[in-house]
N, C-alpha and C. Protein backbone atom coordinates (compact mmCIF):
# COMPACT_ATOMS: atom_id res chain seq x y z
N MET A 1 34.93 12.66 100.86
CA MET A 1 33.97 13.51 100.40
C MET A 1 34.29 14.08 99.21
N LYS A 2 35.21 14.43 98.47
CA LYS A 2 36.10 14.54 97.24
C LYS A 2 35.76 13.32 96.55
N ALA A 3 36.60 12.22 96.95
CA ALA A 3 36.09 10.73 96.19
C ALA A 3 34.74 10.72 96.40
N PHE A 4 33.92 10.90 96.86
CA PHE A 4 32.11 11.07 96.79
C PHE A 4 31.85 12.01 95.51
N GLY A 5 32.02 13.23 95.76
CA GLY A 5 31.60 13.96 94.52
C GLY A 5 31.81 13.58 93.13
N GLN A 6 33.56 13.29 93.58
CA GLN A 6 33.87 13.15 92.01
C GLN A 6 32.78 11.72 91.59
N SER A 7 32.72 11.10 92.15
CA SER A 7 31.62 9.59 91.62
C SER A 7 30.19 9.88 91.13
N GLY A 8 30.07 10.82 92.03
CA GLY A 8 28.75 11.51 92.09
C GLY A 8 28.68 12.34 90.40
N CYS A 9 29.53 13.12 90.20
CA CYS A 9 29.64 13.80 89.03
C CYS A 9 29.67 12.43 87.88
N VAL A 10 30.44 11.62 88.01
CA VAL A 10 30.82 10.88 86.85
C VAL A 10 29.31 10.15 86.62
N ARG A 11 28.70 9.65 87.70
CA ARG A 11 27.22 8.90 87.13
C ARG A 11 26.67 9.94 86.91
N ALA A 12 26.03 11.14 87.09
CA ALA A 12 25.70 12.50 86.32
C ALA A 12 25.98 12.45 85.40
N ASN A 13 27.28 12.10 84.79
CA ASN A 13 27.55 12.34 83.54
C ASN A 13 27.18 11.76 82.54
N ASN A 14 27.10 10.28 83.13
CA ASN A 14 26.55 9.31 82.43
C ASN A 14 25.53 8.94 82.23
N ARG A 15 24.29 9.54 83.14
CA ARG A 15 22.90 9.62 82.68
C ARG A 15 22.65 10.37 81.63
N ARG A 16 23.91 11.53 81.58
CA ARG A 16 23.19 12.82 80.30
C ARG A 16 23.94 12.24 79.07
N GLY A 17 24.42 11.06 78.96
CA GLY A 17 25.23 10.61 77.99
C GLY A 17 26.50 11.33 77.62
N GLY A 18 26.82 11.94 78.66
CA GLY A 18 28.21 12.36 78.24
C GLY A 18 29.52 11.77 78.87
N GLY A 19 29.34 10.65 79.45
CA GLY A 19 30.36 10.14 80.12
C GLY A 19 31.63 9.38 79.13
N PRO A 20 32.45 8.57 79.57
CA PRO A 20 33.33 8.00 78.81
C PRO A 20 32.68 6.75 77.93
N GLY A 21 32.75 6.63 76.63
CA GLY A 21 32.57 5.69 75.87
C GLY A 21 31.38 5.77 75.13
N THR A 22 30.29 6.62 75.69
CA THR A 22 29.63 7.01 75.14
C THR A 22 29.57 7.80 73.68
N SER A 23 28.29 8.06 72.99
CA SER A 23 28.03 8.74 71.69
C SER A 23 27.09 9.78 71.86
N SER A 24 27.76 11.08 71.43
CA SER A 24 26.41 12.27 71.18
C SER A 24 25.49 11.86 69.10
N ALA A 25 25.97 11.15 68.71
CA ALA A 25 25.12 10.79 67.60
C ALA A 25 24.35 10.30 67.84
N LYS A 26 22.91 10.70 66.66
CA LYS A 26 21.67 10.54 66.91
C LYS A 26 21.54 9.58 65.50
N PRO A 27 21.15 8.26 65.45
CA PRO A 27 20.29 8.28 63.97
C PRO A 27 19.80 9.22 62.87
N GLY A 28 19.74 8.92 61.97
CA GLY A 28 19.19 9.41 60.82
C GLY A 28 19.79 9.34 59.16
N PHE A 29 18.74 9.67 58.28
CA PHE A 29 19.04 9.72 56.96
C PHE A 29 20.29 9.99 56.51
N SER A 30 20.85 9.79 55.67
CA SER A 30 22.10 10.11 54.67
C SER A 30 21.73 10.69 53.84
N LEU A 31 22.35 11.99 53.01
CA LEU A 31 21.88 12.58 51.87
C LEU A 31 21.53 11.44 50.92
N VAL A 32 22.29 10.41 50.55
CA VAL A 32 21.86 9.83 49.52
C VAL A 32 20.68 9.44 49.53
N GLU A 33 20.36 8.70 50.99
CA GLU A 33 18.35 7.83 51.35
C GLU A 33 17.89 8.73 50.95
N LEU A 34 18.01 10.50 51.39
CA LEU A 34 17.30 10.96 51.34
C LEU A 34 16.79 11.67 49.84
N LEU A 35 17.93 11.45 48.66
CA LEU A 35 17.42 11.70 47.57
C LEU A 35 17.17 10.27 46.85
N ILE A 36 17.36 9.45 47.42
CA ILE A 36 16.72 7.87 47.07
C ILE A 36 15.48 8.01 47.48
N VAL A 37 14.93 8.44 48.39
CA VAL A 37 13.49 8.87 48.73
C VAL A 37 12.90 9.65 47.92
N LEU A 38 13.16 10.82 47.80
CA LEU A 38 13.03 12.09 46.98
C LEU A 38 12.80 11.22 45.49
N ALA A 39 13.20 10.32 44.70
CA ALA A 39 13.28 10.13 43.08
C ALA A 39 12.34 9.30 43.13
N LEU A 40 12.04 8.46 44.39
CA LEU A 40 10.83 7.28 44.39
C LEU A 40 9.67 7.93 44.84
N MET A 41 9.25 9.50 45.24
CA MET A 41 8.37 10.07 45.17
C MET A 41 8.06 10.69 43.65
N ILE A 42 9.06 11.13 43.76
CA ILE A 42 9.01 11.93 42.08
C ILE A 42 8.10 10.70 40.89
N ILE A 43 8.94 9.29 41.03
CA ILE A 43 8.51 8.39 40.13
C ILE A 43 7.20 8.18 40.18
N LEU A 44 6.64 8.22 41.67
CA LEU A 44 5.68 7.59 41.74
C LEU A 44 4.17 8.32 41.77
N THR A 45 4.81 9.64 41.99
CA THR A 45 3.61 11.01 41.74
C THR A 45 3.49 11.33 40.12
N THR A 46 4.46 10.90 39.28
CA THR A 46 4.42 10.90 37.82
C THR A 46 3.77 9.49 37.42
N MET A 47 3.58 8.77 38.08
CA MET A 47 3.16 7.42 37.41
C MET A 47 1.14 7.73 38.07
N MET A 48 1.35 8.48 38.97
CA MET A 48 -0.01 8.51 39.27
C MET A 48 -0.89 9.47 38.91
N TRP A 49 -0.24 10.87 38.64
CA TRP A 49 -0.50 12.22 38.07
C TRP A 49 0.10 12.47 36.58
N GLY A 50 0.91 12.16 36.49
CA GLY A 50 1.46 12.61 34.95
C GLY A 50 0.61 12.71 33.85
N PHE A 51 1.15 13.39 32.77
CA PHE A 51 0.02 13.81 31.64
C PHE A 51 -0.71 12.11 30.91
N ALA A 52 0.48 11.22 30.79
CA ALA A 52 0.06 10.19 30.36
C ALA A 52 -0.92 9.30 31.22
N SER A 53 -1.08 9.15 32.66
CA SER A 53 -1.02 8.47 33.64
C SER A 53 -2.95 8.52 33.35
N GLU A 54 -3.50 7.19 34.07
CA GLU A 54 -5.26 7.16 33.80
C GLU A 54 -5.71 7.58 34.45
N SER A 55 -5.30 8.33 35.97
CA SER A 55 -6.19 9.19 36.62
C SER A 55 -6.17 10.95 35.90
N HIS A 56 -4.64 11.21 35.41
CA HIS A 56 -4.98 12.71 34.73
C HIS A 56 -6.05 12.55 33.42
N GLN A 57 -5.81 11.47 32.69
CA GLN A 57 -6.24 11.49 31.21
C GLN A 57 -7.85 11.49 31.65
N HIS A 58 -8.26 10.71 32.76
CA HIS A 58 -10.02 10.56 33.03
C HIS A 58 -10.43 11.74 33.57
N ALA A 59 -9.73 12.62 34.11
CA ALA A 59 -9.53 14.09 34.65
C ALA A 59 -10.09 14.53 33.36
N ALA A 60 -9.33 14.70 32.38
CA ALA A 60 -9.30 15.67 31.41
C ALA A 60 -10.22 14.83 29.78
N GLN A 61 -10.96 13.67 30.39
CA GLN A 61 -11.80 13.34 29.68
C GLN A 61 -12.70 14.28 29.96
N ARG A 62 -13.28 14.14 31.48
CA ARG A 62 -14.82 14.70 32.16
C ARG A 62 -14.67 16.34 31.77
N ALA A 63 -13.37 17.36 31.25
CA ALA A 63 -13.04 18.55 30.54
C ALA A 63 -13.49 18.72 29.60
N CYS A 64 -12.82 17.43 28.49
CA CYS A 64 -13.39 17.65 27.21
C CYS A 64 -14.53 17.15 26.91
N GLN A 65 -15.62 16.65 27.79
CA GLN A 65 -16.91 16.41 27.76
C GLN A 65 -17.42 17.97 27.62
N GLN A 66 -16.98 18.33 28.61
CA GLN A 66 -17.69 19.88 28.59
C GLN A 66 -17.54 20.95 27.54
N ASN A 67 -15.99 20.47 26.48
CA ASN A 67 -15.81 21.10 25.37
C ASN A 67 -16.86 20.98 24.49
N LEU A 68 -16.96 19.66 24.37
CA LEU A 68 -17.65 19.02 23.37
C LEU A 68 -19.17 19.70 23.67
N GLU A 69 -19.84 19.99 24.84
CA GLU A 69 -21.11 20.36 25.26
C GLU A 69 -21.25 21.73 24.92
N LYS A 70 -20.43 22.68 25.28
CA LYS A 70 -20.40 23.95 24.84
C LYS A 70 -20.29 24.30 23.26
N ILE A 71 -19.31 23.46 22.53
CA ILE A 71 -19.54 23.50 20.59
C ILE A 71 -20.49 23.27 20.03
N TYR A 72 -21.40 21.87 21.05
CA TYR A 72 -22.68 22.12 20.51
C TYR A 72 -24.07 23.12 20.56
N VAL A 73 -23.63 23.63 21.69
CA VAL A 73 -24.45 25.20 22.06
C VAL A 73 -24.20 25.75 20.49
N ALA A 74 -22.68 26.17 20.33
CA ALA A 74 -22.82 26.74 19.30
C ALA A 74 -22.88 26.43 17.90
N LEU A 75 -23.27 25.09 17.82
CA LEU A 75 -23.57 24.70 16.80
C LEU A 75 -25.15 24.82 16.69
N GLN A 76 -25.78 24.66 17.70
CA GLN A 76 -27.68 25.32 17.51
C GLN A 76 -27.35 26.43 16.87
N ILE A 77 -26.90 27.36 17.80
CA ILE A 77 -27.03 28.50 17.33
C ILE A 77 -27.17 28.80 15.86
N TYR A 78 -26.18 28.42 15.35
CA TYR A 78 -25.51 28.16 13.83
C TYR A 78 -26.44 27.18 12.76
N ALA A 79 -27.13 26.80 13.84
CA ALA A 79 -28.20 25.95 12.84
C ALA A 79 -29.50 26.66 13.04
N ASN A 80 -29.95 27.19 13.59
CA ASN A 80 -30.47 28.49 13.78
C ASN A 80 -31.08 29.38 12.65
N ASP A 81 -29.67 29.95 12.99
CA ASP A 81 -29.55 30.76 11.55
C ASP A 81 -29.26 30.30 10.21
N PHE A 82 -29.04 29.19 9.85
CA PHE A 82 -29.13 28.81 8.85
C PHE A 82 -29.95 27.33 8.63
N SER A 83 -31.18 27.58 8.94
CA SER A 83 -32.52 26.68 8.50
C SER A 83 -32.12 25.51 8.83
N GLY A 84 -31.54 24.78 9.96
CA GLY A 84 -31.02 23.67 10.13
C GLY A 84 -29.65 23.26 10.22
N ARG A 85 -28.88 23.56 8.66
CA ARG A 85 -28.03 23.32 8.42
C ARG A 85 -26.47 23.57 9.74
N LEU A 86 -25.76 22.84 9.33
CA LEU A 86 -24.60 22.77 10.16
C LEU A 86 -23.19 23.51 9.47
N PRO A 87 -22.01 24.06 10.34
CA PRO A 87 -20.64 24.08 9.53
C PRO A 87 -20.40 23.43 7.98
N ALA A 88 -20.51 23.56 6.65
CA ALA A 88 -19.76 22.75 6.00
C ALA A 88 -18.98 23.67 4.87
N SER A 89 -18.17 23.15 4.99
CA SER A 89 -17.36 23.89 3.98
C SER A 89 -16.49 23.11 2.57
N THR A 90 -16.81 23.56 1.45
CA THR A 90 -16.61 22.79 0.16
C THR A 90 -14.71 22.37 -0.04
N ASN A 91 -14.94 21.18 -0.47
CA ASN A 91 -13.65 20.86 -0.24
C ASN A 91 -12.72 20.37 0.99
N ALA A 92 -13.34 20.69 1.87
CA ALA A 92 -12.63 20.22 3.03
C ALA A 92 -12.00 19.15 3.68
N GLU A 93 -10.84 19.44 3.72
CA GLU A 93 -9.63 17.68 4.43
C GLU A 93 -10.08 17.69 5.41
N THR A 94 -9.95 18.69 6.31
CA THR A 94 -9.84 18.60 8.07
C THR A 94 -11.15 19.18 8.46
N SER A 95 -11.11 18.88 9.84
CA SER A 95 -12.04 19.94 10.57
C SER A 95 -11.82 21.12 10.55
N GLU A 96 -10.84 21.40 10.54
CA GLU A 96 -10.63 22.54 11.37
C GLU A 96 -11.53 23.57 10.61
N LYS A 97 -11.36 23.68 8.91
CA LYS A 97 -12.35 24.67 8.14
C LYS A 97 -13.88 24.78 8.42
N PRO A 98 -14.19 23.69 8.50
CA PRO A 98 -16.04 24.26 8.99
C PRO A 98 -16.16 24.32 9.93
N LEU A 99 -15.57 24.23 11.26
CA LEU A 99 -15.70 24.68 12.75
C LEU A 99 -15.41 25.80 12.62
N SER A 100 -14.30 26.33 11.81
CA SER A 100 -14.08 27.62 12.26
C SER A 100 -15.09 28.81 11.78
N LEU A 101 -16.21 28.29 11.14
CA LEU A 101 -17.38 28.94 10.96
C LEU A 101 -17.74 29.64 12.00
N LEU A 102 -17.83 28.73 13.30
CA LEU A 102 -18.75 29.13 14.26
C LEU A 102 -17.36 30.29 15.46
N VAL A 103 -16.30 30.40 14.67
CA VAL A 103 -15.88 31.66 15.38
C VAL A 103 -15.68 33.34 14.64
N PRO A 104 -15.80 34.31 15.06
CA PRO A 104 -16.38 34.24 16.82
C PRO A 104 -17.90 34.74 16.62
N ARG A 105 -18.61 34.59 15.32
CA ARG A 105 -20.18 34.83 15.74
C ARG A 105 -20.88 34.03 16.65
N TYR A 106 -20.39 32.90 17.17
CA TYR A 106 -21.22 31.71 17.59
C TYR A 106 -20.44 31.67 18.98
N THR A 107 -19.30 31.52 18.93
CA THR A 107 -18.48 31.45 20.19
C THR A 107 -17.04 32.08 19.75
N VAL A 108 -16.81 32.89 21.02
CA VAL A 108 -15.32 33.83 21.03
C VAL A 108 -14.42 32.71 21.45
N ASP A 109 -14.87 31.53 22.51
CA ASP A 109 -14.18 30.90 23.29
C ASP A 109 -13.37 29.86 22.41
N THR A 110 -12.07 29.86 21.77
CA THR A 110 -11.56 29.22 20.88
C THR A 110 -11.12 27.61 21.80
N SER A 111 -10.57 28.32 23.22
CA SER A 111 -10.61 27.10 23.77
C SER A 111 -10.91 25.74 24.05
N ILE A 112 -12.05 25.27 23.83
CA ILE A 112 -13.38 24.89 23.72
C ILE A 112 -12.63 23.78 22.73
N PHE A 113 -11.98 24.23 21.56
CA PHE A 113 -11.95 23.90 20.59
C PHE A 113 -10.01 22.83 20.85
N ILE A 114 -10.22 22.59 21.59
CA ILE A 114 -8.49 21.87 22.12
C ILE A 114 -8.70 20.91 23.44
N CYS A 115 -8.94 19.74 23.40
CA CYS A 115 -8.51 18.68 24.39
C CYS A 115 -7.98 19.25 25.22
N PRO A 116 -8.09 19.12 26.28
CA PRO A 116 -7.19 19.15 27.16
C PRO A 116 -6.31 17.59 27.67
N GLY A 117 -6.97 16.96 27.05
CA GLY A 117 -6.01 15.54 27.50
C GLY A 117 -4.82 15.73 26.41
N SER A 118 -4.74 16.19 24.97
CA SER A 118 -4.09 16.45 23.99
C SER A 118 -2.78 16.90 24.71
N LYS A 119 -1.67 17.48 23.32
CA LYS A 119 -0.55 18.45 23.54
C LYS A 119 -1.18 18.98 22.89
N ASP A 120 -2.27 19.19 22.22
CA ASP A 120 -2.27 20.96 21.09
C ASP A 120 -2.08 21.80 21.70
N SER A 121 -1.69 23.01 21.03
CA SER A 121 -1.15 24.28 21.19
C SER A 121 -2.82 25.25 21.37
N PRO A 122 -2.79 25.91 22.45
CA PRO A 122 -4.01 26.81 22.44
C PRO A 122 -3.86 27.73 20.91
N LEU A 123 -5.42 28.24 21.06
CA LEU A 123 -5.79 29.11 19.56
C LEU A 123 -5.98 30.40 20.55
N PRO A 124 -5.92 31.53 19.46
CA PRO A 124 -6.10 32.37 19.83
C PRO A 124 -7.72 33.10 19.66
N SER A 125 -7.88 33.56 20.89
CA SER A 125 -9.40 33.44 21.01
C SER A 125 -9.78 34.55 20.70
N GLY A 126 -11.10 34.09 19.92
CA GLY A 126 -12.09 35.04 19.43
C GLY A 126 -11.47 34.97 17.64
N LEU A 127 -10.73 34.33 17.40
CA LEU A 127 -9.85 34.41 15.64
C LEU A 127 -10.49 33.07 15.43
N PRO A 128 -10.97 33.11 13.98
CA PRO A 128 -11.04 31.62 12.92
C PRO A 128 -9.63 30.76 13.60
N PHE A 129 -9.45 30.09 12.80
CA PHE A 129 -8.70 28.61 13.39
C PHE A 129 -8.54 28.20 11.91
N ALA A 130 -9.34 28.23 11.01
CA ALA A 130 -9.35 27.04 9.81
C ALA A 130 -7.62 26.63 9.31
N ASN A 131 -6.24 27.68 9.12
CA ASN A 131 -5.37 27.56 9.07
C ASN A 131 -4.41 26.92 10.29
N ARG A 132 -5.14 26.39 11.68
CA ARG A 132 -4.55 26.03 12.53
C ARG A 132 -4.87 24.61 13.12
N THR A 133 -4.71 24.08 14.26
CA THR A 133 -4.65 23.08 14.99
C THR A 133 -5.85 22.48 16.05
N ILE A 134 -6.95 21.98 15.68
CA ILE A 134 -8.02 21.88 16.80
C ILE A 134 -7.52 20.21 17.21
N SER A 135 -8.37 19.96 18.11
CA SER A 135 -7.83 18.51 18.60
C SER A 135 -9.28 17.35 17.80
N TYR A 136 -10.48 18.22 17.80
CA TYR A 136 -11.54 16.82 17.04
C TYR A 136 -12.33 16.93 15.95
N ALA A 137 -12.80 15.46 15.64
CA ALA A 137 -13.11 15.35 14.59
C ALA A 137 -14.43 16.01 14.55
N TYR A 138 -14.99 15.86 13.03
CA TYR A 138 -16.08 16.31 12.85
C TYR A 138 -16.94 15.55 11.88
N TYR A 139 -17.99 14.90 11.93
CA TYR A 139 -19.21 15.04 10.86
C TYR A 139 -19.68 15.23 9.68
N MET A 140 -18.82 16.26 8.96
CA MET A 140 -19.71 17.51 8.20
C MET A 140 -21.15 16.87 7.71
N GLY A 141 -21.95 17.17 7.47
CA GLY A 141 -22.94 16.99 6.77
C GLY A 141 -24.09 16.77 7.35
N GLN A 142 -24.08 16.53 9.02
CA GLN A 142 -24.98 15.75 9.67
C GLN A 142 -26.09 16.53 10.16
N HIS A 143 -27.18 16.56 10.24
CA HIS A 143 -28.25 17.69 11.27
C HIS A 143 -28.32 17.41 12.69
N LEU A 144 -28.69 18.10 13.51
CA LEU A 144 -29.11 18.10 15.13
C LEU A 144 -30.16 16.95 14.90
N ASN A 145 -30.44 15.97 14.84
CA ASN A 145 -31.36 14.81 14.91
C ASN A 145 -30.80 13.61 15.17
N GLY A 146 -31.26 12.68 15.97
CA GLY A 146 -30.69 11.26 15.81
C GLY A 146 -29.96 11.00 17.27
N ALA A 147 -30.04 10.66 17.81
CA ALA A 147 -29.49 10.11 19.27
C ALA A 147 -28.27 9.14 18.86
N GLN A 148 -28.43 8.37 17.93
CA GLN A 148 -27.21 7.30 17.55
C GLN A 148 -26.60 8.46 16.19
N SER A 149 -26.39 8.93 15.69
CA SER A 149 -25.62 9.89 14.77
C SER A 149 -24.64 10.61 15.50
N PRO A 150 -23.22 10.20 14.92
CA PRO A 150 -21.99 11.18 15.71
C PRO A 150 -22.18 12.23 15.21
N LEU A 151 -21.76 13.80 15.95
CA LEU A 151 -21.38 14.92 15.09
C LEU A 151 -20.06 15.15 15.16
N MET A 152 -19.32 14.65 16.39
CA MET A 152 -18.02 15.24 16.37
C MET A 152 -17.64 13.93 17.79
N SER A 153 -16.17 13.97 17.38
CA SER A 153 -15.33 13.08 18.39
C SER A 153 -13.94 13.82 18.72
N ASP A 154 -13.29 13.13 19.94
CA ASP A 154 -11.83 13.14 19.58
C ASP A 154 -11.51 13.05 18.42
N TRP A 155 -9.98 13.06 18.48
CA TRP A 155 -9.10 12.68 17.19
C TRP A 155 -9.45 10.93 17.21
N GLN A 156 -9.87 10.19 16.18
CA GLN A 156 -9.85 9.33 15.49
C GLN A 156 -8.92 8.74 14.87
N ILE A 157 -8.55 7.06 14.79
CA ILE A 157 -7.07 6.94 14.43
C ILE A 157 -7.58 6.68 12.35
N ASN A 158 -8.77 6.90 12.26
CA ASN A 158 -8.85 7.28 10.55
C ASN A 158 -10.26 7.65 10.44
N THR A 159 -10.57 8.31 9.19
CA THR A 159 -12.35 8.65 8.92
C THR A 159 -12.78 7.62 8.34
N LEU A 160 -12.54 6.39 8.63
CA LEU A 160 -13.74 5.37 7.41
C LEU A 160 -14.99 5.10 8.54
N PRO A 161 -16.20 4.64 8.27
CA PRO A 161 -16.99 3.81 9.10
C PRO A 161 -16.49 2.87 9.88
N LYS A 162 -16.62 2.74 11.30
CA LYS A 162 -16.66 2.13 12.31
C LYS A 162 -17.93 1.26 12.99
N LYS A 163 -17.76 -0.34 13.10
CA LYS A 163 -18.72 -0.83 13.40
C LYS A 163 -18.62 -1.42 14.77
N ALA A 164 -19.40 -2.07 15.38
CA ALA A 164 -18.83 -2.67 16.77
C ALA A 164 -17.72 -3.46 17.49
N GLY A 165 -16.67 -3.07 17.98
CA GLY A 165 -15.35 -3.66 17.91
C GLY A 165 -14.26 -3.00 17.06
N ASP A 166 -14.41 -2.17 16.71
CA ASP A 166 -13.42 -1.57 15.72
C ASP A 166 -13.09 -0.96 16.55
N LEU A 167 -11.83 -0.68 16.17
CA LEU A 167 -10.51 0.35 16.68
C LEU A 167 -10.92 1.90 16.47
N VAL A 168 -11.52 2.74 17.33
CA VAL A 168 -11.81 3.89 16.78
C VAL A 168 -10.56 4.92 17.25
N PHE A 169 -9.78 4.83 18.49
CA PHE A 169 -9.04 6.02 19.58
C PHE A 169 -7.82 4.62 19.36
N SER A 170 -6.71 5.46 19.86
CA SER A 170 -5.06 4.77 19.84
C SER A 170 -5.71 3.88 21.05
N ALA A 171 -4.81 2.27 21.16
CA ALA A 171 -4.72 1.89 22.20
C ALA A 171 -3.43 1.55 22.46
N THR A 172 -2.67 2.26 22.00
CA THR A 172 -1.16 1.48 22.41
C THR A 172 -0.61 3.60 23.32
N GLY A 173 -1.60 4.67 22.71
CA GLY A 173 -1.07 6.02 23.36
C GLY A 173 -0.23 6.64 22.34
N LYS A 174 0.05 6.07 21.01
CA LYS A 174 0.56 6.88 19.91
C LYS A 174 -0.46 7.28 18.93
N PRO A 175 0.31 8.16 18.27
CA PRO A 175 -1.35 8.46 17.34
C PRO A 175 -1.20 7.69 16.44
N PRO A 176 -2.21 8.00 15.56
CA PRO A 176 -2.81 8.72 15.56
C PRO A 176 -4.17 8.32 16.78
N GLY A 177 -4.95 9.40 16.98
CA GLY A 177 -6.12 8.79 17.55
C GLY A 177 -5.80 8.95 19.00
N ASN A 178 -4.94 10.07 19.70
CA ASN A 178 -4.54 9.58 20.82
C ASN A 178 -4.83 11.24 21.85
N ASN A 179 -5.60 11.60 21.64
CA ASN A 179 -6.09 12.82 22.77
C ASN A 179 -6.09 12.65 23.74
N HIS A 180 -6.47 11.02 24.30
CA HIS A 180 -6.30 10.89 25.77
C HIS A 180 -5.18 9.69 26.02
N TYR A 181 -4.58 9.66 25.60
CA TYR A 181 -3.18 8.56 25.41
C TYR A 181 -3.87 7.14 25.22
N LYS A 182 -4.09 6.18 25.58
CA LYS A 182 -4.94 4.79 25.25
C LYS A 182 -6.16 4.58 25.98
N TYR A 183 -6.78 5.67 26.71
CA TYR A 183 -7.75 5.42 27.43
C TYR A 183 -9.29 6.01 26.75
N GLY A 184 -9.11 5.88 25.57
CA GLY A 184 -10.31 5.95 24.88
C GLY A 184 -10.76 7.26 24.50
N GLY A 185 -11.62 7.79 24.28
CA GLY A 185 -12.18 8.89 23.89
C GLY A 185 -14.08 9.92 23.94
N ASN A 186 -14.03 10.42 23.58
CA ASN A 186 -15.36 11.01 23.86
C ASN A 186 -15.94 11.24 22.35
N ILE A 187 -17.03 10.77 22.31
CA ILE A 187 -17.91 11.00 21.09
C ILE A 187 -19.34 12.06 21.43
N LEU A 188 -19.78 12.89 20.52
CA LEU A 188 -20.76 13.67 20.72
C LEU A 188 -21.62 13.12 19.67
N PHE A 189 -23.04 13.26 20.02
CA PHE A 189 -23.96 12.43 19.21
C PHE A 189 -25.11 14.03 18.88
N CYS A 190 -25.63 13.85 17.66
CA CYS A 190 -26.50 14.74 17.17
C CYS A 190 -27.59 15.36 18.54
N ASP A 191 -27.89 14.57 18.61
CA ASP A 191 -28.91 14.88 20.05
C ASP A 191 -28.25 15.91 21.55
N GLY A 192 -27.13 15.54 21.19
CA GLY A 192 -26.26 16.52 22.25
C GLY A 192 -25.39 15.77 23.39
N HIS A 193 -25.99 14.89 23.23
CA HIS A 193 -25.27 13.76 24.91
C HIS A 193 -23.75 13.38 24.19
N VAL A 194 -22.85 13.26 25.42
CA VAL A 194 -21.82 12.84 24.96
C VAL A 194 -21.27 11.25 25.67
N GLU A 195 -20.73 11.02 24.90
CA GLU A 195 -20.16 9.48 25.38
C GLU A 195 -19.06 9.16 25.62
N LEU A 196 -18.93 8.74 26.59
CA LEU A 196 -17.18 8.23 26.77
C LEU A 196 -17.05 6.62 26.36
N THR A 197 -15.64 6.42 25.54
CA THR A 197 -15.87 5.01 25.00
C THR A 197 -14.63 4.42 24.91
N PRO A 198 -13.86 3.13 25.27
CA PRO A 198 -13.01 2.61 25.20
C PRO A 198 -11.95 2.99 23.49
N PRO A 199 -10.92 2.14 23.72
CA PRO A 199 -10.32 2.54 22.16
C PRO A 199 -11.33 1.90 21.48
N ARG A 200 -11.47 0.64 21.50
CA ARG A 200 -12.68 -0.30 20.53
C ARG A 200 -14.18 -0.04 20.93
N LEU A 201 -14.71 0.24 20.10
CA LEU A 201 -16.15 0.81 19.83
C LEU A 201 -16.96 -0.62 20.52
N PRO A 202 -17.83 -0.10 21.61
CA PRO A 202 -19.02 -0.94 22.03
C PRO A 202 -20.51 -0.78 21.10
N PHE A 203 -19.84 -0.07 20.11
CA PHE A 203 -21.45 0.01 18.91
C PHE A 203 -20.56 0.82 18.04
N SER A 204 -21.30 0.62 16.76
CA SER A 204 -21.49 1.34 15.57
C SER A 204 -21.46 2.65 15.54
N LEU A 205 -20.50 3.36 14.55
CA LEU A 205 -20.22 4.64 14.19
C LEU A 205 -20.65 4.53 12.73
N VAL A 206 -22.08 4.64 12.36
CA VAL A 206 -22.52 4.51 10.84
C VAL A 206 -22.35 6.39 10.35
N ILE A 207 -21.98 6.22 9.24
CA ILE A 207 -21.34 7.50 8.51
C ILE A 207 -22.63 7.17 7.10
N THR A 208 -23.53 7.95 7.52
CA THR A 208 -25.04 8.35 6.40
C THR A 208 -24.46 8.79 4.99
N GLN A 209 -25.20 8.51 4.18
CA GLN A 209 -25.20 9.35 2.23
C GLN A 209 -25.33 10.90 3.08
N GLY A 210 -24.34 11.74 2.09
CA GLY A 210 -23.92 13.30 2.44
C GLY A 210 -22.74 13.55 3.46
N VAL A 211 -22.68 12.92 4.61
CA VAL A 211 -21.61 13.00 5.75
C VAL A 211 -20.54 12.40 5.25
N VAL A 212 -19.51 13.35 5.72
CA VAL A 212 -18.07 12.98 5.68
C VAL A 212 -17.24 12.99 6.95
N LEU A 213 -16.40 12.30 7.35
CA LEU A 213 -15.50 12.57 8.76
C LEU A 213 -14.69 13.12 8.09
N LEU A 214 -14.47 14.57 9.17
CA LEU A 214 -13.52 14.93 8.93
C LEU A 214 -12.33 14.96 10.12
N ASN A 215 -11.02 14.33 10.20
CA ASN A 215 -10.27 14.41 11.12
C ASN A 215 -9.33 15.81 11.23
N PRO A 216 -9.22 15.83 12.38
CA PRO A 216 -8.02 17.51 12.55
C PRO A 216 -7.16 17.39 11.65
N LYS A 217 -6.22 18.20 11.65
CA LYS A 217 -4.58 18.35 10.93
C LYS A 217 -3.82 17.34 12.04
N PRO A 218 -3.23 16.24 11.34
CA PRO A 218 -2.66 15.23 12.00
C PRO A 218 -1.57 15.59 12.63
N GLN A 219 -0.79 16.93 12.66
CA GLN A 219 0.63 17.03 13.46
C GLN A 219 0.08 17.28 14.97
N ARG A 220 0.44 15.38 15.35
CA ARG A 220 0.71 15.48 16.81
C ARG A 220 1.85 14.63 16.88
N PRO A 221 1.68 15.56 18.80
CA PRO A 221 3.09 14.45 18.83
C PRO A 221 3.05 12.74 19.29
């Protein structure tokens, strides 16, 4: 009976994994493996949703369109007060000086002058920004008419007229013209509609007599 009892205990221990020659260690990830997996997840997340990623910039382009639409409303109100004329400033070299005339009477929301796809610094709310940096180019001298007459846009590569097929925004993600990295930009037209275009224009942007294209100040990363 004693021998039988001992044998039964041995069999029971073996079934529980506690007998001789068995191991209680369970398979799992080592610390190094976990760190590698974590690093890969960070890299993939950055590629998909990082600042320069296509998905991030497409979301920023949609928000940018809303900015331009809000600025257009302020421009309309300004034009109503000035017999149809839009903001203009003698000898202006960049877009900040004329567009600053909209603040604070026609809008106190200065955040709409900073493209969410850019790395431009926020502006003080409700204060003119002539001496600061905004994100948008401005066709000074335009009137609110004509669907194919450009009024504002994302920062362009230069201030020259552009025909279909010309480069208007950065194609490399480097400045100038890289509000949305290398994924094109938005153009606001004089009738109030906004079009998203690739870096190379599918149509022409004609600068008529009396109109000058002003880019924002060139300090960009």
